[in-house]
Amino acid sequence: MQPYMDSTGKFADAFDCVGFTTVPIWSGLMVTFIMLIGLGISISMILDIKTMDRFENNRSKQLTITVSE
């Protein structure tokens, strides 16, 4: 019916009243952002690892490590 309503005789753009983003796109974006947040947290935790100042030697006294938070 559209070509008969217009004098140009051409079809216009098709709009089906569908949103630009669908549920799978939103779900994929949400999962991607959650995984990026988890990756950022895990990388920051890995970068925060500290090494000990001293290492154990077999000729010296045994090294004791006290845990303090």
N, C-alpha and C. Protein backbone atom coordinates (compact mmCIF):
# COMPACT_ATOMS: atom_id res chain seq x y z
N MET A 1 0.81 -1.20 0.00
CA MET A 1 0.00 0.00 0.00
C MET A 1 0.85 1.26 0.00
N GLN A 2 2.07 1.17 0.47
CA GLN A 2 2.88 2.37 0.61
C GLN A 2 3.20 3.05 -0.73
N PRO A 3 3.51 2.32 -1.81
CA PRO A 3 3.80 3.03 -3.06
C PRO A 3 2.60 3.80 -3.61
N TYR A 4 1.43 3.35 -3.28
CA TYR A 4 0.24 4.02 -3.81
C TYR A 4 -0.11 5.27 -3.01
N MET A 5 0.44 5.41 -1.78
CA MET A 5 0.14 6.57 -0.96
C MET A 5 1.05 7.75 -1.28
N ASP A 6 2.17 7.49 -1.89
CA ASP A 6 3.15 8.53 -2.16
C ASP A 6 3.25 8.72 -3.67
N SER A 7 3.57 9.92 -4.08
CA SER A 7 3.64 10.20 -5.51
C SER A 7 4.96 9.75 -6.14
N THR A 8 5.96 9.43 -5.31
CA THR A 8 7.26 9.05 -5.87
C THR A 8 7.28 7.62 -6.39
N GLY A 9 6.45 6.76 -5.84
CA GLY A 9 6.42 5.38 -6.30
C GLY A 9 7.53 4.51 -5.73
N LYS A 10 8.24 5.01 -4.71
CA LYS A 10 9.31 4.24 -4.08
C LYS A 10 8.95 3.95 -2.64
N PHE A 11 9.50 2.86 -2.15
CA PHE A 11 9.29 2.52 -0.75
C PHE A 11 10.18 3.39 0.13
N ALA A 12 9.68 3.72 1.30
CA ALA A 12 10.47 4.47 2.27
C ALA A 12 11.22 3.49 3.17
N ASP A 13 11.94 4.01 4.14
CA ASP A 13 12.65 3.15 5.09
C ASP A 13 11.66 2.32 5.90
N ALA A 14 12.04 1.09 6.16
CA ALA A 14 11.16 0.19 6.91
C ALA A 14 11.44 0.33 8.40
N PHE A 15 10.43 0.71 9.15
CA PHE A 15 10.51 0.79 10.60
C PHE A 15 9.45 -0.14 11.17
N ASP A 16 9.89 -1.15 11.90
CA ASP A 16 8.96 -2.12 12.46
C ASP A 16 8.68 -1.85 13.92
N CYS A 17 8.93 -0.65 14.38
CA CYS A 17 8.74 -0.28 15.79
C CYS A 17 9.57 -1.17 16.72
N VAL A 18 10.72 -1.57 16.26
CA VAL A 18 11.63 -2.38 17.05
C VAL A 18 12.75 -1.47 17.53
N GLY A 19 13.11 -1.62 18.79
CA GLY A 19 14.18 -0.81 19.33
C GLY A 19 15.51 -1.10 18.67
N PHE A 20 16.43 -0.17 18.80
CA PHE A 20 17.74 -0.33 18.18
C PHE A 20 18.52 -1.47 18.83
N THR A 21 18.37 -1.61 20.14
CA THR A 21 19.06 -2.69 20.85
C THR A 21 18.03 -3.69 21.36
N THR A 22 18.35 -4.95 21.18
CA THR A 22 17.44 -6.00 21.62
C THR A 22 17.93 -6.58 22.94
N VAL A 23 17.16 -7.49 23.49
CA VAL A 23 17.51 -8.11 24.78
C VAL A 23 18.84 -8.86 24.70
N PRO A 24 19.12 -9.64 23.65
CA PRO A 24 20.43 -10.30 23.59
C PRO A 24 21.60 -9.32 23.54
N ILE A 25 21.42 -8.18 22.87
CA ILE A 25 22.50 -7.19 22.83
C ILE A 25 22.73 -6.61 24.21
N TRP A 26 21.66 -6.25 24.92
CA TRP A 26 21.81 -5.71 26.28
C TRP A 26 22.43 -6.75 27.20
N SER A 27 22.02 -8.01 27.07
CA SER A 27 22.58 -9.06 27.92
C SER A 27 24.07 -9.25 27.64
N GLY A 28 24.44 -9.24 26.38
CA GLY A 28 25.85 -9.37 26.03
C GLY A 28 26.68 -8.21 26.54
N LEU A 29 26.16 -6.99 26.45
CA LEU A 29 26.88 -5.83 26.97
C LEU A 29 27.03 -5.90 28.48
N MET A 30 25.96 -6.33 29.17
CA MET A 30 26.02 -6.41 30.63
C MET A 30 27.03 -7.47 31.07
N VAL A 31 27.02 -8.62 30.44
CA VAL A 31 27.98 -9.67 30.78
C VAL A 31 29.41 -9.21 30.48
N THR A 32 29.59 -8.51 29.37
CA THR A 32 30.92 -8.00 29.02
C THR A 32 31.42 -7.01 30.06
N PHE A 33 30.56 -6.08 30.50
CA PHE A 33 30.98 -5.11 31.51
C PHE A 33 31.28 -5.78 32.85
N ILE A 34 30.49 -6.78 33.23
CA ILE A 34 30.74 -7.50 34.48
C ILE A 34 32.09 -8.22 34.41
N MET A 35 32.37 -8.85 33.27
CA MET A 35 33.65 -9.56 33.13
C MET A 35 34.83 -8.59 33.08
N LEU A 36 34.64 -7.41 32.48
CA LEU A 36 35.71 -6.41 32.47
C LEU A 36 35.99 -5.88 33.87
N ILE A 37 34.94 -5.71 34.66
CA ILE A 37 35.13 -5.27 36.05
C ILE A 37 35.89 -6.34 36.83
N GLY A 38 35.51 -7.61 36.65
CA GLY A 38 36.22 -8.71 37.32
C GLY A 38 37.66 -8.80 36.87
N LEU A 39 37.92 -8.59 35.59
CA LEU A 39 39.29 -8.62 35.08
C LEU A 39 40.11 -7.48 35.67
N GLY A 40 39.52 -6.30 35.77
CA GLY A 40 40.23 -5.16 36.36
C GLY A 40 40.57 -5.39 37.81
N ILE A 41 39.62 -5.96 38.57
CA ILE A 41 39.87 -6.24 39.98
C ILE A 41 40.96 -7.30 40.12
N SER A 42 40.90 -8.34 39.30
CA SER A 42 41.91 -9.41 39.41
C SER A 42 43.30 -8.91 39.01
N ILE A 43 43.39 -8.08 37.99
CA ILE A 43 44.70 -7.54 37.61
C ILE A 43 45.25 -6.64 38.71
N SER A 44 44.39 -5.83 39.33
CA SER A 44 44.88 -4.98 40.42
C SER A 44 45.32 -5.81 41.61
N MET A 45 44.66 -6.94 41.88
CA MET A 45 45.09 -7.82 42.97
C MET A 45 46.44 -8.48 42.65
N ILE A 46 46.62 -8.90 41.41
CA ILE A 46 47.89 -9.51 41.02
C ILE A 46 49.03 -8.50 41.12
N LEU A 47 48.77 -7.25 40.72
CA LEU A 47 49.81 -6.22 40.79
C LEU A 47 50.13 -5.81 42.21
N ASP A 48 49.26 -6.15 43.18
CA ASP A 48 49.47 -5.77 44.57
C ASP A 48 50.27 -6.82 45.34
N ILE A 49 50.66 -7.93 44.71
CA ILE A 49 51.43 -8.97 45.39
C ILE A 49 52.83 -8.45 45.69
N LYS A 50 53.26 -8.63 46.93
CA LYS A 50 54.59 -8.18 47.36
C LYS A 50 55.46 -9.41 47.64
N THR A 51 56.74 -9.32 47.30
CA THR A 51 57.67 -10.40 47.59
C THR A 51 58.31 -10.16 48.95
N MET A 52 58.87 -11.23 49.54
CA MET A 52 59.53 -11.11 50.83
C MET A 52 60.87 -10.39 50.68
N ASP A 53 61.30 -9.77 51.77
CA ASP A 53 62.60 -9.08 51.76
C ASP A 53 63.75 -10.08 51.86
N ARG A 54 63.54 -11.13 52.67
CA ARG A 54 64.58 -12.13 52.89
C ARG A 54 64.10 -13.48 52.42
N PHE A 55 65.05 -14.31 52.03
CA PHE A 55 64.74 -15.67 51.64
C PHE A 55 65.52 -16.63 52.53
N GLU A 56 64.99 -17.84 52.68
CA GLU A 56 65.59 -18.81 53.59
C GLU A 56 66.90 -19.36 53.03
N ASN A 57 67.87 -19.49 53.93
CA ASN A 57 69.18 -20.03 53.56
C ASN A 57 69.40 -21.30 54.39
N ASN A 58 69.98 -22.34 53.82
CA ASN A 58 70.14 -23.60 54.56
C ASN A 58 71.21 -23.51 55.65
N ARG A 59 72.10 -22.54 55.65
CA ARG A 59 73.15 -22.42 56.67
C ARG A 59 72.74 -21.52 57.83
N SER A 60 71.75 -20.72 57.64
CA SER A 60 71.36 -19.79 58.71
C SER A 60 70.14 -20.31 59.47
N LYS A 61 69.72 -19.54 60.44
CA LYS A 61 68.57 -19.90 61.25
C LYS A 61 67.31 -19.94 60.38
N GLN A 62 66.36 -20.80 60.78
CA GLN A 62 65.15 -20.96 60.00
C GLN A 62 64.35 -19.66 59.98
N LEU A 63 63.82 -19.34 58.83
CA LEU A 63 63.08 -18.11 58.63
C LEU A 63 61.64 -18.30 59.10
N THR A 64 61.16 -17.43 59.98
CA THR A 64 59.77 -17.49 60.42
C THR A 64 59.04 -16.28 59.87
N ILE A 65 57.87 -16.54 59.35
CA ILE A 65 57.08 -15.47 58.74
C ILE A 65 55.85 -15.25 59.59
N THR A 66 55.66 -14.04 60.05
CA THR A 66 54.46 -13.71 60.82
C THR A 66 53.46 -13.03 59.90
N VAL A 67 52.23 -13.42 60.05
CA VAL A 67 51.18 -12.87 59.20
C VAL A 67 50.56 -11.67 59.90
N SER A 68 50.57 -10.55 59.24
CA SER A 68 49.92 -9.36 59.79
C SER A 68 49.09 -8.71 58.70
N GLU A 69 47.91 -8.27 59.10
CA GLU A 69 47.03 -7.66 58.11
C GLU A 69 46.79 -6.21 58.44
